[in-house]
Amino acid sequence: MAIMTVLSVAKVPQLSFLLIVAFLSLSLGGSLLIGESVQASSLKLQALSTGGPIGTLSLVIFHKVIGQAVTHFRLLHV
């Protein structure tokens, strides 16, 4: 939803917007179907499949968002 909002505000042409939205919807739907069909019987496999995205999200938040904000703003504001 965040990507679609940014595209809408950026005044992307309507055909491009619809193609991007369709691609995002299909990829999300496909991921959900794959996730539902794979039955993780192992607790280690469940931990790995949950820990990977959490680690990636943490890296993006701390390194990219907060780390680059410190270089542009004062530390007190960050």
PDB file of N, CA and C in Angstrom:
ATOM      1  N   MET A   1       0.819  -1.187   0.000  1.00  0.00           N
ATOM      2  CA  MET A   1       0.000   0.000   0.000  1.00  0.00           C
ATOM      3  C   MET A   1       0.865   1.254   0.000  1.00  0.00           C
ATOM      4  N   ALA A   2       2.000   1.184   0.683  1.00  0.00           N
ATOM      5  CA  ALA A   2       2.887   2.349   0.719  1.00  0.00           C
ATOM      6  C   ALA A   2       3.438   2.648  -0.675  1.00  0.00           C
ATOM      7  N   ILE A   3       3.813   1.608  -1.403  1.00  0.00           N
ATOM      8  CA  ILE A   3       4.341   1.809  -2.759  1.00  0.00           C
ATOM      9  C   ILE A   3       3.266   2.393  -3.656  1.00  0.00           C
ATOM     10  N   MET A   4       2.042   1.903  -3.550  1.00  0.00           N
ATOM     11  CA  MET A   4       0.958   2.418  -4.381  1.00  0.00           C
ATOM     12  C   MET A   4       0.644   3.870  -4.037  1.00  0.00           C
ATOM     13  N   THR A   5       0.735   4.229  -2.766  1.00  0.00           N
ATOM     14  CA  THR A   5       0.489   5.616  -2.373  1.00  0.00           C
ATOM     15  C   THR A   5       1.553   6.541  -2.937  1.00  0.00           C
ATOM     16  N   VAL A   6       2.802   6.124  -2.859  1.00  0.00           N
ATOM     17  CA  VAL A   6       3.897   6.942  -3.401  1.00  0.00           C
ATOM     18  C   VAL A   6       3.743   7.104  -4.903  1.00  0.00           C
ATOM     19  N   LEU A   7       3.390   6.029  -5.596  1.00  0.00           N
ATOM     20  CA  LEU A   7       3.197   6.123  -7.044  1.00  0.00           C
ATOM     21  C   LEU A   7       2.038   7.049  -7.394  1.00  0.00           C
ATOM     22  N   SER A   8       1.002   7.003  -6.609  1.00  0.00           N
ATOM     23  CA  SER A   8      -0.153   7.866  -6.849  1.00  0.00           C
ATOM     24  C   SER A   8       0.204   9.334  -6.642  1.00  0.00           C
ATOM     25  N   VAL A   9       0.963   9.623  -5.597  1.00  0.00           N
ATOM     26  CA  VAL A   9       1.365  11.007  -5.317  1.00  0.00           C
ATOM     27  C   VAL A   9       2.368  11.503  -6.354  1.00  0.00           C
ATOM     28  N   ALA A  10       3.215  10.596  -6.864  1.00  0.00           N
ATOM     29  CA  ALA A  10       4.243  10.977  -7.827  1.00  0.00           C
ATOM     30  C   ALA A  10       3.689  11.187  -9.231  1.00  0.00           C
ATOM     31  N   LYS A  11       2.394  10.994  -9.396  1.00  0.00           N
ATOM     32  CA  LYS A  11       1.728  11.208 -10.683  1.00  0.00           C
ATOM     33  C   LYS A  11       2.314  10.325 -11.786  1.00  0.00           C
ATOM     34  N   VAL A  12       2.461   9.047 -11.472  1.00  0.00           N
ATOM     35  CA  VAL A  12       2.896   8.062 -12.458  1.00  0.00           C
ATOM     36  C   VAL A  12       1.755   7.874 -13.447  1.00  0.00           C
ATOM     37  N   PRO A  13       2.045   7.696 -14.732  1.00  0.00           N
ATOM     38  CA  PRO A  13       0.962   7.474 -15.701  1.00  0.00           C
ATOM     39  C   PRO A  13       0.057   6.309 -15.282  1.00  0.00           C
ATOM     40  N   GLN A  14      -1.217   6.428 -15.620  1.00  0.00           N
ATOM     41  CA  GLN A  14      -2.210   5.482 -15.124  1.00  0.00           C
ATOM     42  C   GLN A  14      -1.941   4.053 -15.582  1.00  0.00           C
ATOM     43  N   LEU A  15      -1.498   3.849 -16.806  1.00  0.00           N
ATOM     44  CA  LEU A  15      -1.216   2.497 -17.293  1.00  0.00           C
ATOM     45  C   LEU A  15      -0.046   1.881 -16.529  1.00  0.00           C
ATOM     46  N   SER A  16       0.995   2.642 -16.297  1.00  0.00           N
ATOM     47  CA  SER A  16       2.138   2.152 -15.530  1.00  0.00           C
ATOM     48  C   SER A  16       1.725   1.835 -14.099  1.00  0.00           C
ATOM     49  N   PHE A  17       0.892   2.696 -13.519  1.00  0.00           N
ATOM     50  CA  PHE A  17       0.406   2.466 -12.164  1.00  0.00           C
ATOM     51  C   PHE A  17      -0.366   1.160 -12.079  1.00  0.00           C
ATOM     52  N   LEU A  18      -1.254   0.914 -13.024  1.00  0.00           N
ATOM     53  CA  LEU A  18      -2.044  -0.316 -13.026  1.00  0.00           C
ATOM     54  C   LEU A  18      -1.176  -1.552 -13.219  1.00  0.00           C
ATOM     55  N   LEU A  19      -0.160  -1.467 -14.072  1.00  0.00           N
ATOM     56  CA  LEU A  19       0.748  -2.603 -14.277  1.00  0.00           C
ATOM     57  C   LEU A  19       1.548  -2.906 -13.008  1.00  0.00           C
ATOM     58  N   ILE A  20       2.018  -1.870 -12.333  1.00  0.00           N
ATOM     59  CA  ILE A  20       2.781  -2.073 -11.099  1.00  0.00           C
ATOM     60  C   ILE A  20       1.887  -2.659 -10.013  1.00  0.00           C
ATOM     61  N   VAL A  21       0.665  -2.145  -9.892  1.00  0.00           N
ATOM     62  CA  VAL A  21      -0.272  -2.667  -8.906  1.00  0.00           C
ATOM     63  C   VAL A  21      -0.607  -4.131  -9.202  1.00  0.00           C
ATOM     64  N   ALA A  22      -0.817  -4.465 -10.481  1.00  0.00           N
ATOM     65  CA  ALA A  22      -1.104  -5.854 -10.854  1.00  0.00           C
ATOM     66  C   ALA A  22       0.070  -6.764 -10.522  1.00  0.00           C
ATOM     67  N   PHE A  23       1.292  -6.304 -10.813  1.00  0.00           N
ATOM     68  CA  PHE A  23       2.480  -7.104 -10.498  1.00  0.00           C
ATOM     69  C   PHE A  23       2.620  -7.325  -8.996  1.00  0.00           C
ATOM     70  N   LEU A  24       2.413  -6.275  -8.218  1.00  0.00           N
ATOM     71  CA  LEU A  24       2.500  -6.405  -6.758  1.00  0.00           C
ATOM     72  C   LEU A  24       1.431  -7.347  -6.223  1.00  0.00           C
ATOM     73  N   SER A  25       0.230  -7.243  -6.755  1.00  0.00           N
ATOM     74  CA  SER A  25      -0.860  -8.110  -6.308  1.00  0.00           C
ATOM     75  C   SER A  25      -0.590  -9.567  -6.637  1.00  0.00           C
ATOM     76  N   LEU A  26      -0.108  -9.822  -7.852  1.00  0.00           N
ATOM     77  CA  LEU A  26       0.194 -11.203  -8.245  1.00  0.00           C
ATOM     78  C   LEU A  26       1.344 -11.789  -7.443  1.00  0.00           C
ATOM     79  N   SER A  27       2.371 -10.994  -7.186  1.00  0.00           N
ATOM     80  CA  SER A  27       3.500 -11.513  -6.420  1.00  0.00           C
ATOM     81  C   SER A  27       3.109 -11.772  -4.970  1.00  0.00           C
ATOM     82  N   LEU A  28       2.300 -10.904  -4.388  1.00  0.00           N
ATOM     83  CA  LEU A  28       1.840 -11.128  -3.020  1.00  0.00           C
ATOM     84  C   LEU A  28       0.919 -12.340  -2.943  1.00  0.00           C
ATOM     85  N   GLY A  29      -0.002 -12.456  -3.895  1.00  0.00           N
ATOM     86  CA  GLY A  29      -0.900 -13.606  -3.925  1.00  0.00           C
ATOM     87  C   GLY A  29      -0.151 -14.912  -4.132  1.00  0.00           C
ATOM     88  N   GLY A  30       0.843 -14.903  -5.027  1.00  0.00           N
ATOM     89  CA  GLY A  30       1.653 -16.098  -5.245  1.00  0.00           C
ATOM     90  C   GLY A  30       2.443 -16.489  -4.010  1.00  0.00           C
ATOM     91  N   SER A  31       2.990 -15.501  -3.335  1.00  0.00           N
ATOM     92  CA  SER A  31       3.737 -15.782  -2.104  1.00  0.00           C
ATOM     93  C   SER A  31       2.836 -16.381  -1.035  1.00  0.00           C
ATOM     94  N   LEU A  32       1.617 -15.869  -0.940  1.00  0.00           N
ATOM     95  CA  LEU A  32       0.675 -16.411   0.034  1.00  0.00           C
ATOM     96  C   LEU A  32       0.303 -17.852  -0.294  1.00  0.00           C
ATOM     97  N   LEU A  33       0.077 -18.142  -1.572  1.00  0.00           N
ATOM     98  CA  LEU A  33      -0.259 -19.510  -1.964  1.00  0.00           C
ATOM     99  C   LEU A  33       0.887 -20.475  -1.687  1.00  0.00           C
ATOM    100  N   ILE A  34       2.104 -20.043  -1.977  1.00  0.00           N
ATOM    101  CA  ILE A  34       3.270 -20.891  -1.700  1.00  0.00           C
ATOM    102  C   ILE A  34       3.417 -21.106  -0.205  1.00  0.00           C
ATOM    103  N   GLY A  35       3.222 -20.050   0.577  1.00  0.00           N
ATOM    104  CA  GLY A  35       3.326 -20.169   2.026  1.00  0.00           C
ATOM    105  C   GLY A  35       2.287 -21.084   2.626  1.00  0.00           C
ATOM    106  N   GLU A  36       1.094 -21.075   2.066  1.00  0.00           N
ATOM    107  CA  GLU A  36       0.035 -21.948   2.572  1.00  0.00           C
ATOM    108  C   GLU A  36       0.254 -23.398   2.165  1.00  0.00           C
ATOM    109  N   SER A  37       0.866 -23.625   0.999  1.00  0.00           N
ATOM    110  CA  SER A  37       1.032 -24.992   0.523  1.00  0.00           C
ATOM    111  C   SER A  37       2.221 -25.698   1.164  1.00  0.00           C
ATOM    112  N   VAL A  38       3.197 -24.954   1.618  1.00  0.00           N
ATOM    113  CA  VAL A  38       4.375 -25.553   2.249  1.00  0.00           C
ATOM    114  C   VAL A  38       4.076 -25.764   3.728  1.00  0.00           C
ATOM    115  N   GLN A  39       4.102 -26.995   4.132  1.00  0.00           N
ATOM    116  CA  GLN A  39       3.863 -27.314   5.535  1.00  0.00           C
ATOM    117  C   GLN A  39       5.214 -27.521   6.219  1.00  0.00           C
ATOM    118  N   ALA A  40       5.559 -26.613   7.099  1.00  0.00           N
ATOM    119  CA  ALA A  40       6.839 -26.695   7.801  1.00  0.00           C
ATOM    120  C   ALA A  40       6.663 -27.602   9.019  1.00  0.00           C
ATOM    121  N   SER A  41       7.158 -28.825   8.893  1.00  0.00           N
ATOM    122  CA  SER A  41       7.028 -29.757  10.002  1.00  0.00           C
ATOM    123  C   SER A  41       8.151 -29.577  11.020  1.00  0.00           C
ATOM    124  N   SER A  42       9.214 -28.920  10.605  1.00  0.00           N
ATOM    125  CA  SER A  42      10.360 -28.735  11.479  1.00  0.00           C
ATOM    126  C   SER A  42      10.305 -27.354  12.139  1.00  0.00           C
ATOM    127  N   LEU A  43      10.571 -27.321  13.416  1.00  0.00           N
ATOM    128  CA  LEU A  43      10.599 -26.056  14.138  1.00  0.00           C
ATOM    129  C   LEU A  43      11.764 -25.184  13.668  1.00  0.00           C
ATOM    130  N   LYS A  44      12.880 -25.825  13.271  1.00  0.00           N
ATOM    131  CA  LYS A  44      14.030 -25.061  12.777  1.00  0.00           C
ATOM    132  C   LYS A  44      13.701 -24.381  11.459  1.00  0.00           C
ATOM    133  N   LEU A  45      12.959 -25.063  10.596  1.00  0.00           N
ATOM    134  CA  LEU A  45      12.572 -24.462   9.320  1.00  0.00           C
ATOM    135  C   LEU A  45      11.640 -23.278   9.539  1.00  0.00           C
ATOM    136  N   GLN A  46      10.730 -23.393  10.484  1.00  0.00           N
ATOM    137  CA  GLN A  46       9.845 -22.276  10.807  1.00  0.00           C
ATOM    138  C   GLN A  46      10.632 -21.096  11.369  1.00  0.00           C
ATOM    139  N   ALA A  47      11.619 -21.381  12.203  1.00  0.00           N
ATOM    140  CA  ALA A  47      12.441 -20.314  12.779  1.00  0.00           C
ATOM    141  C   ALA A  47      13.254 -19.606  11.705  1.00  0.00           C
ATOM    142  N   LEU A  48      13.795 -20.368  10.759  1.00  0.00           N
ATOM    143  CA  LEU A  48      14.565 -19.762   9.667  1.00  0.00           C
ATOM    144  C   LEU A  48      13.674 -18.932   8.752  1.00  0.00           C
ATOM    145  N   SER A  49      12.487 -19.432   8.449  1.00  0.00           N
ATOM    146  CA  SER A  49      11.604 -18.692   7.548  1.00  0.00           C
ATOM    147  C   SER A  49      11.031 -17.449   8.211  1.00  0.00           C
ATOM    148  N   THR A  50      10.995 -17.397   9.514  1.00  0.00           N
ATOM    149  CA  THR A  50      10.550 -16.197  10.220  1.00  0.00           C
ATOM    150  C   THR A  50      11.721 -15.265  10.504  1.00  0.00           C
ATOM    151  N   GLY A  51      12.855 -15.811  10.844  1.00  0.00           N
ATOM    152  CA  GLY A  51      14.016 -14.999  11.207  1.00  0.00           C
ATOM    153  C   GLY A  51      14.632 -14.265  10.035  1.00  0.00           C
ATOM    154  N   GLY A  52      14.577 -14.843   8.850  1.00  0.00           N
ATOM    155  CA  GLY A  52      15.139 -14.190   7.665  1.00  0.00           C
ATOM    156  C   GLY A  52      14.514 -12.840   7.377  1.00  0.00           C
ATOM    157  N   PRO A  53      13.201 -12.786   7.245  1.00  0.00           N
ATOM    158  CA  PRO A  53      12.580 -11.477   7.000  1.00  0.00           C
ATOM    159  C   PRO A  53      12.747 -10.495   8.147  1.00  0.00           C
ATOM    160  N   ILE A  54      12.743 -10.970   9.373  1.00  0.00           N
ATOM    161  CA  ILE A  54      12.926 -10.068  10.519  1.00  0.00           C
ATOM    162  C   ILE A  54      14.332  -9.468  10.482  1.00  0.00           C
ATOM    163  N   GLY A  55      15.330 -10.285  10.178  1.00  0.00           N
ATOM    164  CA  GLY A  55      16.701  -9.782  10.078  1.00  0.00           C
ATOM    165  C   GLY A  55      16.868  -8.794   8.942  1.00  0.00           C
ATOM    166  N   THR A  56      16.246  -9.086   7.801  1.00  0.00           N
ATOM    167  CA  THR A  56      16.333  -8.190   6.658  1.00  0.00           C
ATOM    168  C   THR A  56      15.659  -6.858   6.964  1.00  0.00           C
ATOM    169  N   LEU A  57      14.501  -6.902   7.577  1.00  0.00           N
ATOM    170  CA  LEU A  57      13.794  -5.682   7.936  1.00  0.00           C
ATOM    171  C   LEU A  57      14.585  -4.862   8.949  1.00  0.00           C
ATOM    172  N   SER A  58      15.201  -5.526   9.912  1.00  0.00           N
ATOM    173  CA  SER A  58      16.026  -4.825  10.899  1.00  0.00           C
ATOM    174  C   SER A  58      17.216  -4.149  10.236  1.00  0.00           C
ATOM    175  N   LEU A  59      17.860  -4.839   9.298  1.00  0.00           N
ATOM    176  CA  LEU A  59      18.998  -4.259   8.581  1.00  0.00           C
ATOM    177  C   LEU A  59      18.568  -3.019   7.829  1.00  0.00           C
ATOM    178  N   VAL A  60      17.465  -3.103   7.135  1.00  0.00           N
ATOM    179  CA  VAL A  60      16.990  -1.957   6.351  1.00  0.00           C
ATOM    180  C   VAL A  60      16.655  -0.786   7.265  1.00  0.00           C
ATOM    181  N   ILE A  61      15.981  -1.062   8.363  1.00  0.00           N
ATOM    182  CA  ILE A  61      15.584   0.032   9.262  1.00  0.00           C
ATOM    183  C   ILE A  61      16.799   0.698   9.884  1.00  0.00           C
ATOM    184  N   PHE A  62      17.686  -0.093  10.467  1.00  0.00           N
ATOM    185  CA  PHE A  62      18.800   0.510  11.201  1.00  0.00           C
ATOM    186  C   PHE A  62      19.884   1.062  10.288  1.00  0.00           C
ATOM    187  N   HIS A  63      20.226   0.344   9.239  1.00  0.00           N
ATOM    188  CA  HIS A  63      21.335   0.798   8.404  1.00  0.00           C
ATOM    189  C   HIS A  63      20.887   1.849   7.394  1.00  0.00           C
ATOM    190  N   LYS A  64      19.851   1.547   6.663  1.00  0.00           N
ATOM    191  CA  LYS A  64      19.456   2.448   5.578  1.00  0.00           C
ATOM    192  C   LYS A  64      18.665   3.654   6.077  1.00  0.00           C
ATOM    193  N   VAL A  65      17.648   3.420   6.868  1.00  0.00           N
ATOM    194  CA  VAL A  65      16.775   4.526   7.259  1.00  0.00           C
ATOM    195  C   VAL A  65      17.413   5.373   8.350  1.00  0.00           C
ATOM    196  N   ILE A  66      17.744   4.767   9.476  1.00  0.00           N
ATOM    197  CA  ILE A  66      18.288   5.535  10.597  1.00  0.00           C
ATOM    198  C   ILE A  66      19.722   5.969  10.320  1.00  0.00           C
ATOM    199  N   GLY A  67      20.530   5.086   9.745  1.00  0.00           N
ATOM    200  CA  GLY A  67      21.923   5.426   9.469  1.00  0.00           C
ATOM    201  C   GLY A  67      22.074   6.583   8.508  1.00  0.00           C
ATOM    202  N   GLN A  68      21.254   6.610   7.473  1.00  0.00           N
ATOM    203  CA  GLN A  68      21.349   7.718   6.522  1.00  0.00           C
ATOM    204  C   GLN A  68      20.670   8.974   7.042  1.00  0.00           C
ATOM    205  N   ALA A  69      19.712   8.819   7.941  1.00  0.00           N
ATOM    206  CA  ALA A  69      19.077  10.006   8.532  1.00  0.00           C
ATOM    207  C   ALA A  69      20.057  10.739   9.435  1.00  0.00           C
ATOM    208  N   VAL A  70      20.940  10.002  10.105  1.00  0.00           N
ATOM    209  CA  VAL A  70      21.928  10.632  10.986  1.00  0.00           C
ATOM    210  C   VAL A  70      22.864  11.527  10.183  1.00  0.00           C
ATOM    211  N   THR A  71      23.196  11.139   8.958  1.00  0.00           N
ATOM    212  CA  THR A  71      24.110  11.950   8.149  1.00  0.00           C
ATOM    213  C   THR A  71      23.442  13.233   7.645  1.00  0.00           C
ATOM    214  N   HIS A  72      22.110  13.240   7.535  1.00  0.00           N
ATOM    215  CA  HIS A  72      21.417  14.415   7.005  1.00  0.00           C
ATOM    216  C   HIS A  72      20.834  15.315   8.091  1.00  0.00           C
ATOM    217  N   PHE A  73      20.557  14.757   9.260  1.00  0.00           N
ATOM    218  CA  PHE A  73      19.947  15.525  10.335  1.00  0.00           C
ATOM    219  C   PHE A  73      20.809  15.440  11.582  1.00  0.00           C
ATOM    220  N   ARG A  74      20.524  16.304  12.535  1.00  0.00           N
ATOM    221  CA  ARG A  74      21.237  16.226  13.794  1.00  0.00           C
ATOM    222  C   ARG A  74      20.776  14.992  14.563  1.00  0.00           C
ATOM    223  N   LEU A  75      21.653  14.444  15.395  1.00  0.00           N
ATOM    224  CA  LEU A  75      21.348  13.230  16.140  1.00  0.00           C
ATOM    225  C   LEU A  75      20.149  13.415  17.049  1.00  0.00           C
ATOM    226  N   LEU A  76      19.986  14.599  17.602  1.00  0.00           N
ATOM    227  CA  LEU A  76      18.863  14.885  18.478  1.00  0.00           C
ATOM    228  C   LEU A  76      17.533  14.744  17.734  1.00  0.00           C
ATOM    229  N   HIS A  77      17.482  15.158  16.476  1.00  0.00           N
ATOM    230  CA  HIS A  77      16.256  15.067  15.692  1.00  0.00           C
ATOM    231  C   HIS A  77      15.949  13.634  15.281  1.00  0.00           C
ATOM    232  N   VAL A  78      16.981  12.838  15.061  1.00  0.00           N
ATOM    233  CA  VAL A  78      16.768  11.443  14.667  1.00  0.00           C
ATOM    234  C   VAL A  78      16.251  10.653  15.836  1.00  0.00           C
TER     235      VAL A  78
END
